[in-house]
Amino acid sequence: MQEQITENLKKLSTWKRILFMTMFSIIVSLVRVLLWAVIFLQVASTLITGTANENILNFGRSLSAYLYHILLFLTFNTDDLPFPFASWDLTEAIDVPKIK
């Protein structure tokens, strides 16, 4: 048992993943701030114009899909690194339903 733990601790791939997970945890914090800005702007747009702003909708959808992609990586549900280590198109490929 102790040998297995020692062997696991020596795996470079595990330490690289931990480094990437730390970096993406910081990115998640930044994305959360941006999502709150999107929420605030969309509420303001709806109050002023009576409808949601299409550009903000698209940006919010992309940001939400990106956050989902990061969370899949952080929870070990995928080994695929999110943007910027993968194409943004992969983030866009996640099927996020459009309202309307």
PDB file of N, CA and C in Angstrom:
ATOM      1  N   MET A   1       0.832  -1.201   0.000  1.00  0.00           N
ATOM      2  CA  MET A   1       0.000   0.000   0.000  1.00  0.00           C
ATOM      3  C   MET A   1       0.873   1.259   0.000  1.00  0.00           C
ATOM      4  N   GLN A   2       1.858   1.301   0.880  1.00  0.00           N
ATOM      5  CA  GLN A   2       2.754   2.456   0.975  1.00  0.00           C
ATOM      6  C   GLN A   2       3.530   2.645  -0.330  1.00  0.00           C
ATOM      7  N   GLU A   3       3.911   1.550  -0.956  1.00  0.00           N
ATOM      8  CA  GLU A   3       4.643   1.624  -2.224  1.00  0.00           C
ATOM      9  C   GLU A   3       3.784   2.254  -3.312  1.00  0.00           C
ATOM     10  N   GLN A   4       2.500   1.901  -3.327  1.00  0.00           N
ATOM     11  CA  GLN A   4       1.575   2.454  -4.319  1.00  0.00           C
ATOM     12  C   GLN A   4       1.416   3.965  -4.134  1.00  0.00           C
ATOM     13  N   ILE A   5       1.304   4.375  -2.890  1.00  0.00           N
ATOM     14  CA  ILE A   5       1.176   5.806  -2.600  1.00  0.00           C
ATOM     15  C   ILE A   5       2.442   6.541  -3.028  1.00  0.00           C
ATOM     16  N   THR A   6       3.595   5.978  -2.707  1.00  0.00           N
ATOM     17  CA  THR A   6       4.873   6.585  -3.092  1.00  0.00           C
ATOM     18  C   THR A   6       4.987   6.688  -4.607  1.00  0.00           C
ATOM     19  N   GLU A   7       4.583   5.636  -5.288  1.00  0.00           N
ATOM     20  CA  GLU A   7       4.613   5.649  -6.761  1.00  0.00           C
ATOM     21  C   GLU A   7       3.672   6.709  -7.327  1.00  0.00           C
ATOM     22  N   ASN A   8       2.483   6.824  -6.752  1.00  0.00           N
ATOM     23  CA  ASN A   8       1.513   7.830  -7.196  1.00  0.00           C
ATOM     24  C   ASN A   8       2.052   9.245  -6.986  1.00  0.00           C
ATOM     25  N   LEU A   9       2.740   9.465  -5.871  1.00  0.00           N
ATOM     26  CA  LEU A   9       3.286  10.785  -5.580  1.00  0.00           C
ATOM     27  C   LEU A   9       4.415  11.175  -6.538  1.00  0.00           C
ATOM     28  N   LYS A  10       5.039  10.199  -7.153  1.00  0.00           N
ATOM     29  CA  LYS A  10       6.143  10.468  -8.072  1.00  0.00           C
ATOM     30  C   LYS A  10       5.686  10.697  -9.508  1.00  0.00           C
ATOM     31  N   LYS A  11       4.405  10.509  -9.790  1.00  0.00           N
ATOM     32  CA  LYS A  11       3.912  10.670 -11.159  1.00  0.00           C
ATOM     33  C   LYS A  11       3.908  12.144 -11.555  1.00  0.00           C
ATOM     34  N   LEU A  12       4.656  12.456 -12.590  1.00  0.00           N
ATOM     35  CA  LEU A  12       4.718  13.828 -13.086  1.00  0.00           C
ATOM     36  C   LEU A  12       3.363  14.287 -13.616  1.00  0.00           C
ATOM     37  N   SER A  13       2.627  13.379 -14.250  1.00  0.00           N
ATOM     38  CA  SER A  13       1.323  13.744 -14.825  1.00  0.00           C
ATOM     39  C   SER A  13       0.351  14.217 -13.749  1.00  0.00           C
ATOM     40  N   THR A  14       0.419  13.624 -12.571  1.00  0.00           N
ATOM     41  CA  THR A  14      -0.466  14.051 -11.484  1.00  0.00           C
ATOM     42  C   THR A  14      -0.120  15.462 -11.031  1.00  0.00           C
ATOM     43  N   TRP A  15       1.161  15.750 -10.888  1.00  0.00           N
ATOM     44  CA  TRP A  15       1.584  17.080 -10.455  1.00  0.00           C
ATOM     45  C   TRP A  15       1.284  18.130 -11.511  1.00  0.00           C
ATOM     46  N   LYS A  16       1.399  17.761 -12.789  1.00  0.00           N
ATOM     47  CA  LYS A  16       1.039  18.696 -13.862  1.00  0.00           C
ATOM     48  C   LYS A  16      -0.448  19.002 -13.804  1.00  0.00           C
ATOM     49  N   ARG A  17      -1.261  17.975 -13.565  1.00  0.00           N
ATOM     50  CA  ARG A  17      -2.698  18.202 -13.478  1.00  0.00           C
ATOM     51  C   ARG A  17      -3.029  19.112 -12.298  1.00  0.00           C
ATOM     52  N   ILE A  18      -2.375  18.897 -11.170  1.00  0.00           N
ATOM     53  CA  ILE A  18      -2.602  19.745  -9.998  1.00  0.00           C
ATOM     54  C   ILE A  18      -2.247  21.198 -10.316  1.00  0.00           C
ATOM     55  N   LEU A  19      -1.157  21.413 -11.045  1.00  0.00           N
ATOM     56  CA  LEU A  19      -0.780  22.764 -11.453  1.00  0.00           C
ATOM     57  C   LEU A  19      -1.860  23.390 -12.333  1.00  0.00           C
ATOM     58  N   PHE A  20      -2.335  22.639 -13.329  1.00  0.00           N
ATOM     59  CA  PHE A  20      -3.394  23.146 -14.206  1.00  0.00           C
ATOM     60  C   PHE A  20      -4.691  23.381 -13.423  1.00  0.00           C
ATOM     61  N   MET A  21      -4.995  22.501 -12.489  1.00  0.00           N
ATOM     62  CA  MET A  21      -6.205  22.677 -11.687  1.00  0.00           C
ATOM     63  C   MET A  21      -6.131  23.949 -10.848  1.00  0.00           C
ATOM     64  N   THR A  22      -4.965  24.231 -10.316  1.00  0.00           N
ATOM     65  CA  THR A  22      -4.778  25.465  -9.547  1.00  0.00           C
ATOM     66  C   THR A  22      -4.986  26.688 -10.439  1.00  0.00           C
ATOM     67  N   MET A  23      -4.390  26.640 -11.630  1.00  0.00           N
ATOM     68  CA  MET A  23      -4.534  27.749 -12.569  1.00  0.00           C
ATOM     69  C   MET A  23      -5.998  27.945 -12.978  1.00  0.00           C
ATOM     70  N   PHE A  24      -6.693  26.839 -13.285  1.00  0.00           N
ATOM     71  CA  PHE A  24      -8.087  26.964 -13.702  1.00  0.00           C
ATOM     72  C   PHE A  24      -9.003  27.345 -12.548  1.00  0.00           C
ATOM     73  N   SER A  25      -8.616  27.043 -11.321  1.00  0.00           N
ATOM     74  CA  SER A  25      -9.391  27.509 -10.166  1.00  0.00           C
ATOM     75  C   SER A  25      -9.346  29.031 -10.068  1.00  0.00           C
ATOM     76  N   ILE A  26      -8.201  29.607 -10.384  1.00  0.00           N
ATOM     77  CA  ILE A  26      -8.074  31.069 -10.411  1.00  0.00           C
ATOM     78  C   ILE A  26      -8.913  31.638 -11.554  1.00  0.00           C
ATOM     79  N   ILE A  27      -8.872  30.984 -12.718  1.00  0.00           N
ATOM     80  CA  ILE A  27      -9.669  31.436 -13.869  1.00  0.00           C
ATOM     81  C   ILE A  27     -11.154  31.382 -13.535  1.00  0.00           C
ATOM     82  N   VAL A  28     -11.585  30.354 -12.796  1.00  0.00           N
ATOM     83  CA  VAL A  28     -12.992  30.251 -12.394  1.00  0.00           C
ATOM     84  C   VAL A  28     -13.407  31.482 -11.597  1.00  0.00           C
ATOM     85  N   SER A  29     -12.539  31.955 -10.730  1.00  0.00           N
ATOM     86  CA  SER A  29     -12.858  33.159  -9.949  1.00  0.00           C
ATOM     87  C   SER A  29     -13.063  34.365 -10.856  1.00  0.00           C
ATOM     88  N   LEU A  30     -12.210  34.497 -11.860  1.00  0.00           N
ATOM     89  CA  LEU A  30     -12.357  35.612 -12.803  1.00  0.00           C
ATOM     90  C   LEU A  30     -13.632  35.475 -13.636  1.00  0.00           C
ATOM     91  N   VAL A  31     -13.925  34.255 -14.057  1.00  0.00           N
ATOM     92  CA  VAL A  31     -15.135  34.021 -14.849  1.00  0.00           C
ATOM     93  C   VAL A  31     -16.385  34.330 -14.028  1.00  0.00           C
ATOM     94  N   ARG A  32     -16.357  33.991 -12.741  1.00  0.00           N
ATOM     95  CA  ARG A  32     -17.506  34.299 -11.876  1.00  0.00           C
ATOM     96  C   ARG A  32     -17.763  35.799 -11.816  1.00  0.00           C
ATOM     97  N   VAL A  33     -16.707  36.600 -11.740  1.00  0.00           N
ATOM     98  CA  VAL A  33     -16.857  38.058 -11.729  1.00  0.00           C
ATOM     99  C   VAL A  33     -17.482  38.515 -13.048  1.00  0.00           C
ATOM    100  N   LEU A  34     -16.993  37.971 -14.158  1.00  0.00           N
ATOM    101  CA  LEU A  34     -17.556  38.328 -15.458  1.00  0.00           C
ATOM    102  C   LEU A  34     -19.021  37.913 -15.571  1.00  0.00           C
ATOM    103  N   LEU A  35     -19.361  36.752 -15.037  1.00  0.00           N
ATOM    104  CA  LEU A  35     -20.753  36.312 -15.083  1.00  0.00           C
ATOM    105  C   LEU A  35     -21.662  37.243 -14.290  1.00  0.00           C
ATOM    106  N   TRP A  36     -21.178  37.734 -13.155  1.00  0.00           N
ATOM    107  CA  TRP A  36     -21.976  38.689 -12.398  1.00  0.00           C
ATOM    108  C   TRP A  36     -22.159  39.988 -13.181  1.00  0.00           C
ATOM    109  N   ALA A  37     -21.121  40.396 -13.904  1.00  0.00           N
ATOM    110  CA  ALA A  37     -21.251  41.588 -14.752  1.00  0.00           C
ATOM    111  C   ALA A  37     -22.277  41.348 -15.851  1.00  0.00           C
ATOM    112  N   VAL A  38     -22.251  40.169 -16.442  1.00  0.00           N
ATOM    113  CA  VAL A  38     -23.235  39.819 -17.484  1.00  0.00           C
ATOM    114  C   VAL A  38     -24.642  39.851 -16.899  1.00  0.00           C
ATOM    115  N   ILE A  39     -24.802  39.273 -15.717  1.00  0.00           N
ATOM    116  CA  ILE A  39     -26.115  39.268 -15.075  1.00  0.00           C
ATOM    117  C   ILE A  39     -26.598  40.693 -14.831  1.00  0.00           C
ATOM    118  N   PHE A  40     -25.735  41.520 -14.267  1.00  0.00           N
ATOM    119  CA  PHE A  40     -26.100  42.905 -13.983  1.00  0.00           C
ATOM    120  C   PHE A  40     -26.463  43.651 -15.272  1.00  0.00           C
ATOM    121  N   LEU A  41     -25.617  43.503 -16.304  1.00  0.00           N
ATOM    122  CA  LEU A  41     -25.893  44.191 -17.571  1.00  0.00           C
ATOM    123  C   LEU A  41     -27.188  43.702 -18.217  1.00  0.00           C
ATOM    124  N   GLN A  42     -27.451  42.411 -18.129  1.00  0.00           N
ATOM    125  CA  GLN A  42     -28.676  41.881 -18.735  1.00  0.00           C
ATOM    126  C   GLN A  42     -29.915  42.357 -17.990  1.00  0.00           C
ATOM    127  N   VAL A  43     -29.829  42.419 -16.666  1.00  0.00           N
ATOM    128  CA  VAL A  43     -30.950  42.951 -15.886  1.00  0.00           C
ATOM    129  C   VAL A  43     -31.175  44.422 -16.235  1.00  0.00           C
ATOM    130  N   ALA A  44     -30.094  45.188 -16.307  1.00  0.00           N
ATOM    131  CA  ALA A  44     -30.216  46.612 -16.654  1.00  0.00           C
ATOM    132  C   ALA A  44     -30.799  46.777 -18.056  1.00  0.00           C
ATOM    133  N   SER A  45     -30.330  45.989 -18.994  1.00  0.00           N
ATOM    134  CA  SER A  45     -30.844  46.059 -20.359  1.00  0.00           C
ATOM    135  C   SER A  45     -32.332  45.732 -20.408  1.00  0.00           C
ATOM    136  N   THR A  46     -32.734  44.722 -19.662  1.00  0.00           N
ATOM    137  CA  THR A  46     -34.142  44.331 -19.642  1.00  0.00           C
ATOM    138  C   THR A  46     -35.008  45.407 -18.993  1.00  0.00           C
ATOM    139  N   LEU A  47     -34.495  46.032 -17.933  1.00  0.00           N
ATOM    140  CA  LEU A  47     -35.255  47.098 -17.282  1.00  0.00           C
ATOM    141  C   LEU A  47     -35.395  48.321 -18.180  1.00  0.00           C
ATOM    142  N   ILE A  48     -34.350  48.627 -18.937  1.00  0.00           N
ATOM    143  CA  ILE A  48     -34.355  49.830 -19.773  1.00  0.00           C
ATOM    144  C   ILE A  48     -35.116  49.613 -21.083  1.00  0.00           C
ATOM    145  N   THR A  49     -34.838  48.487 -21.753  1.00  0.00           N
ATOM    146  CA  THR A  49     -35.419  48.275 -23.089  1.00  0.00           C
ATOM    147  C   THR A  49     -36.609  47.331 -23.102  1.00  0.00           C
ATOM    148  N   GLY A  50     -36.779  46.557 -22.038  1.00  0.00           N
ATOM    149  CA  GLY A  50     -37.877  45.606 -21.986  1.00  0.00           C
ATOM    150  C   GLY A  50     -37.531  44.245 -22.574  1.00  0.00           C
ATOM    151  N   THR A  51     -36.341  44.125 -23.167  1.00  0.00           N
ATOM    152  CA  THR A  51     -35.923  42.837 -23.731  1.00  0.00           C
ATOM    153  C   THR A  51     -34.455  42.581 -23.387  1.00  0.00           C
ATOM    154  N   ALA A  52     -34.092  41.322 -23.457  1.00  0.00           N
ATOM    155  CA  ALA A  52     -32.699  40.946 -23.208  1.00  0.00           C
ATOM    156  C   ALA A  52     -31.838  41.339 -24.406  1.00  0.00           C
ATOM    157  N   ASN A  53     -30.623  41.742 -24.142  1.00  0.00           N
ATOM    158  CA  ASN A  53     -29.674  42.131 -25.179  1.00  0.00           C
ATOM    159  C   ASN A  53     -29.064  40.865 -25.793  1.00  0.00           C
ATOM    160  N   GLU A  54     -29.188  40.725 -27.112  1.00  0.00           N
ATOM    161  CA  GLU A  54     -28.721  39.523 -27.817  1.00  0.00           C
ATOM    162  C   GLU A  54     -27.211  39.316 -27.670  1.00  0.00           C
ATOM    163  N   ASN A  55     -26.441  40.400 -27.735  1.00  0.00           N
ATOM    164  CA  ASN A  55     -24.982  40.281 -27.596  1.00  0.00           C
ATOM    165  C   ASN A  55     -24.587  39.789 -26.203  1.00  0.00           C
ATOM    166  N   ILE A  56     -25.258  40.303 -25.200  1.00  0.00           N
ATOM    167  CA  ILE A  56     -24.973  39.867 -23.834  1.00  0.00           C
ATOM    168  C   ILE A  56     -25.426  38.421 -23.647  1.00  0.00           C
ATOM    169  N   LEU A  57     -26.541  38.036 -24.267  1.00  0.00           N
ATOM    170  CA  LEU A  57     -26.992  36.645 -24.214  1.00  0.00           C
ATOM    171  C   LEU A  57     -25.926  35.701 -24.775  1.00  0.00           C
ATOM    172  N   ASN A  58     -25.406  36.045 -25.940  1.00  0.00           N
ATOM    173  CA  ASN A  58     -24.395  35.204 -26.589  1.00  0.00           C
ATOM    174  C   ASN A  58     -23.121  35.120 -25.755  1.00  0.00           C
ATOM    175  N   PHE A  59     -22.691  36.260 -25.207  1.00  0.00           N
ATOM    176  CA  PHE A  59     -21.488  36.271 -24.381  1.00  0.00           C
ATOM    177  C   PHE A  59     -21.705  35.447 -23.114  1.00  0.00           C
ATOM    178  N   GLY A  60     -22.857  35.601 -22.482  1.00  0.00           N
ATOM    179  CA  GLY A  60     -23.181  34.841 -21.280  1.00  0.00           C
ATOM    180  C   GLY A  60     -23.241  33.344 -21.556  1.00  0.00           C
ATOM    181  N   ARG A  61     -23.795  32.972 -22.713  1.00  0.00           N
ATOM    182  CA  ARG A  61     -23.855  31.562 -23.088  1.00  0.00           C
ATOM    183  C   ARG A  61     -22.450  30.998 -23.269  1.00  0.00           C
ATOM    184  N   SER A  62     -21.584  31.730 -23.960  1.00  0.00           N
ATOM    185  CA  SER A  62     -20.210  31.277 -24.176  1.00  0.00           C
ATOM    186  C   SER A  62     -19.449  31.175 -22.856  1.00  0.00           C
ATOM    187  N   LEU A  63     -19.611  32.163 -22.013  1.00  0.00           N
ATOM    188  CA  LEU A  63     -18.933  32.170 -20.716  1.00  0.00           C
ATOM    189  C   LEU A  63     -19.414  31.011 -19.840  1.00  0.00           C
ATOM    190  N   SER A  64     -20.709  30.745 -19.869  1.00  0.00           N
ATOM    191  CA  SER A  64     -21.263  29.633 -19.098  1.00  0.00           C
ATOM    192  C   SER A  64     -20.740  28.292 -19.608  1.00  0.00           C
ATOM    193  N   ALA A  65     -20.661  28.139 -20.918  1.00  0.00           N
ATOM    194  CA  ALA A  65     -20.132  26.902 -21.503  1.00  0.00           C
ATOM    195  C   ALA A  65     -18.659  26.726 -21.137  1.00  0.00           C
ATOM    196  N   TYR A  66     -17.912  27.820 -21.142  1.00  0.00           N
ATOM    197  CA  TYR A  66     -16.495  27.777 -20.762  1.00  0.00           C
ATOM    198  C   TYR A  66     -16.342  27.349 -19.304  1.00  0.00           C
ATOM    199  N   LEU A  67     -17.161  27.926 -18.432  1.00  0.00           N
ATOM    200  CA  LEU A  67     -17.124  27.560 -17.023  1.00  0.00           C
ATOM    201  C   LEU A  67     -17.455  26.075 -16.856  1.00  0.00           C
ATOM    202  N   TYR A  68     -18.443  25.596 -17.599  1.00  0.00           N
ATOM    203  CA  TYR A  68     -18.817  24.181 -17.548  1.00  0.00           C
ATOM    204  C   TYR A  68     -17.647  23.304 -17.972  1.00  0.00           C
ATOM    205  N   HIS A  69     -16.950  23.691 -19.029  1.00  0.00           N
ATOM    206  CA  HIS A  69     -15.798  22.947 -19.523  1.00  0.00           C
ATOM    207  C   HIS A  69     -14.690  22.897 -18.457  1.00  0.00           C
ATOM    208  N   ILE A  70     -14.454  24.015 -17.794  1.00  0.00           N
ATOM    209  CA  ILE A  70     -13.454  24.050 -16.719  1.00  0.00           C
ATOM    210  C   ILE A  70     -13.871  23.137 -15.571  1.00  0.00           C
ATOM    211  N   LEU A  71     -15.137  23.187 -15.195  1.00  0.00           N
ATOM    212  CA  LEU A  71     -15.610  22.364 -14.086  1.00  0.00           C
ATOM    213  C   LEU A  71     -15.516  20.875 -14.400  1.00  0.00           C
ATOM    214  N   LEU A  72     -15.746  20.507 -15.653  1.00  0.00           N
ATOM    215  CA  LEU A  72     -15.562  19.106 -16.049  1.00  0.00           C
ATOM    216  C   LEU A  72     -14.116  18.677 -15.831  1.00  0.00           C
ATOM    217  N   PHE A  73     -13.178  19.556 -16.168  1.00  0.00           N
ATOM    218  CA  PHE A  73     -11.768  19.247 -15.967  1.00  0.00           C
ATOM    219  C   PHE A  73     -11.424  19.177 -14.480  1.00  0.00           C
ATOM    220  N   LEU A  74     -11.893  20.153 -13.707  1.00  0.00           N
ATOM    221  CA  LEU A  74     -11.567  20.198 -12.281  1.00  0.00           C
ATOM    222  C   LEU A  74     -12.130  19.008 -11.510  1.00  0.00           C
ATOM    223  N   THR A  75     -13.241  18.461 -11.967  1.00  0.00           N
ATOM    224  CA  THR A  75     -13.871  17.335 -11.275  1.00  0.00           C
ATOM    225  C   THR A  75     -13.453  15.987 -11.857  1.00  0.00           C
ATOM    226  N   PHE A  76     -12.415  16.000 -12.703  1.00  0.00           N
ATOM    227  CA  PHE A  76     -11.854  14.783 -13.293  1.00  0.00           C
ATOM    228  C   PHE A  76     -12.830  14.075 -14.237  1.00  0.00           C
ATOM    229  N   ASN A  77     -13.843  14.780 -14.727  1.00  0.00           N
ATOM    230  CA  ASN A  77     -14.765  14.185 -15.684  1.00  0.00           C
ATOM    231  C   ASN A  77     -14.194  14.191 -17.089  1.00  0.00           C
ATOM    232  N   THR A  78     -13.133  14.951 -17.302  1.00  0.00           N
ATOM    233  CA  THR A  78     -12.432  14.956 -18.583  1.00  0.00           C
ATOM    234  C   THR A  78     -10.957  15.254 -18.325  1.00  0.00           C
ATOM    235  N   ASP A  79     -10.135  14.754 -19.220  1.00  0.00           N
ATOM    236  CA  ASP A  79      -8.705  15.072 -19.159  1.00  0.00           C
ATOM    237  C   ASP A  79      -8.352  16.175 -20.158  1.00  0.00           C
ATOM    238  N   ASP A  80      -9.340  16.617 -20.929  1.00  0.00           N
ATOM    239  CA  ASP A  80      -9.111  17.662 -21.925  1.00  0.00           C
ATOM    240  C   ASP A  80      -8.965  19.014 -21.242  1.00  0.00           C
ATOM    241  N   LEU A  81      -7.854  19.673 -21.525  1.00  0.00           N
ATOM    242  CA  LEU A  81      -7.639  21.004 -20.959  1.00  0.00           C
ATOM    243  C   LEU A  81      -8.550  22.017 -21.654  1.00  0.00           C
ATOM    244  N   PRO A  82      -9.179  22.893 -20.888  1.00  0.00           N
ATOM    245  CA  PRO A  82     -10.010  23.953 -21.472  1.00  0.00           C
ATOM    246  C   PRO A  82      -9.155  25.029 -22.143  1.00  0.00           C
ATOM    247  N   PHE A  83      -9.828  25.972 -22.800  1.00  0.00           N
ATOM    248  CA  PHE A  83      -9.182  27.147 -23.384  1.00  0.00           C
ATOM    249  C   PHE A  83      -8.363  27.827 -22.283  1.00  0.00           C
ATOM    250  N   PRO A  84      -7.183  28.264 -22.504  1.00  0.00           N
ATOM    251  CA  PRO A  84      -6.451  28.542 -23.732  1.00  0.00           C
ATOM    252  C   PRO A  84      -5.590  27.382 -24.232  1.00  0.00           C
ATOM    253  N   PHE A  85      -5.713  26.212 -23.613  1.00  0.00           N
ATOM    254  CA  PHE A  85      -4.925  25.066 -24.055  1.00  0.00           C
ATOM    255  C   PHE A  85      -5.668  24.238 -25.085  1.00  0.00           C
ATOM    256  N   ALA A  86      -6.879  24.610 -25.375  1.00  0.00           N
ATOM    257  CA  ALA A  86      -7.680  23.993 -26.429  1.00  0.00           C
ATOM    258  C   ALA A  86      -8.352  25.124 -27.197  1.00  0.00           C
ATOM    259  N   SER A  87      -8.851  24.815 -28.326  1.00  0.00           N
ATOM    260  CA  SER A  87      -9.533  25.813 -29.145  1.00  0.00           C
ATOM    261  C   SER A  87     -10.812  26.287 -28.449  1.00  0.00           C
ATOM    262  N   TRP A  88     -11.112  27.568 -28.596  1.00  0.00           N
ATOM    263  CA  TRP A  88     -12.360  28.102 -28.038  1.00  0.00           C
ATOM    264  C   TRP A  88     -13.557  27.421 -28.686  1.00  0.00           C
ATOM    265  N   ASP A  89     -13.384  26.945 -29.934  1.00  0.00           N
ATOM    266  CA  ASP A  89     -14.460  26.258 -30.642  1.00  0.00           C
ATOM    267  C   ASP A  89     -14.942  25.030 -29.879  1.00  0.00           C
ATOM    268  N   LEU A  90     -14.057  24.371 -29.137  1.00  0.00           N
ATOM    269  CA  LEU A  90     -14.470  23.220 -28.336  1.00  0.00           C
ATOM    270  C   LEU A  90     -15.414  23.651 -27.223  1.00  0.00           C
ATOM    271  N   THR A  91     -15.188  24.833 -26.677  1.00  0.00           N
ATOM    272  CA  THR A  91     -16.096  25.370 -25.670  1.00  0.00           C
ATOM    273  C   THR A  91     -17.445  25.658 -26.300  1.00  0.00           C
ATOM    274  N   GLU A  92     -17.413  26.232 -27.494  1.00  0.00           N
ATOM    275  CA  GLU A  92     -18.648  26.571 -28.193  1.00  0.00           C
ATOM    276  C   GLU A  92     -19.414  25.322 -28.624  1.00  0.00           C
ATOM    277  N   ALA A  93     -18.712  24.183 -28.753  1.00  0.00           N
ATOM    278  CA  ALA A  93     -19.343  22.957 -29.231  1.00  0.00           C
ATOM    279  C   ALA A  93     -20.253  22.327 -28.177  1.00  0.00           C
ATOM    280  N   ILE A  94     -20.117  22.745 -26.925  1.00  0.00           N
ATOM    281  CA  ILE A  94     -20.990  22.216 -25.882  1.00  0.00           C
ATOM    282  C   ILE A  94     -22.400  22.690 -26.166  1.00  0.00           C
ATOM    283  N   ASP A  95     -23.318  21.772 -26.116  1.00  0.00           N
ATOM    284  CA  ASP A  95     -24.703  22.079 -26.476  1.00  0.00           C
ATOM    285  C   ASP A  95     -25.405  22.814 -25.333  1.00  0.00           C
ATOM    286  N   VAL A  96     -25.378  24.137 -25.421  1.00  0.00           N
ATOM    287  CA  VAL A  96     -26.071  24.967 -24.438  1.00  0.00           C
ATOM    288  C   VAL A  96     -27.340  25.488 -25.117  1.00  0.00           C
ATOM    289  N   PRO A  97     -28.504  25.179 -24.567  1.00  0.00           N
ATOM    290  CA  PRO A  97     -29.745  25.574 -25.226  1.00  0.00           C
ATOM    291  C   PRO A  97     -29.898  27.090 -25.320  1.00  0.00           C
ATOM    292  N   LYS A  98     -30.448  27.516 -26.435  1.00  0.00           N
ATOM    293  CA  LYS A  98     -30.747  28.939 -26.633  1.00  0.00           C
ATOM    294  C   LYS A  98     -32.211  29.177 -26.282  1.00  0.00           C
ATOM    295  N   ILE A  99     -32.438  30.287 -25.625  1.00  0.00           N
ATOM    296  CA  ILE A  99     -33.800  30.662 -25.283  1.00  0.00           C
ATOM    297  C   ILE A  99     -34.364  31.514 -26.407  1.00  0.00           C
ATOM    298  N   LYS A 100     -35.571  31.271 -26.757  1.00  0.00           N
ATOM    299  CA  LYS A 100     -36.317  32.013 -27.785  1.00  0.00           C
ATOM    300  C   LYS A 100     -36.653  31.142 -28.920  1.00  0.00           C
TER     301      LYS A 100
END
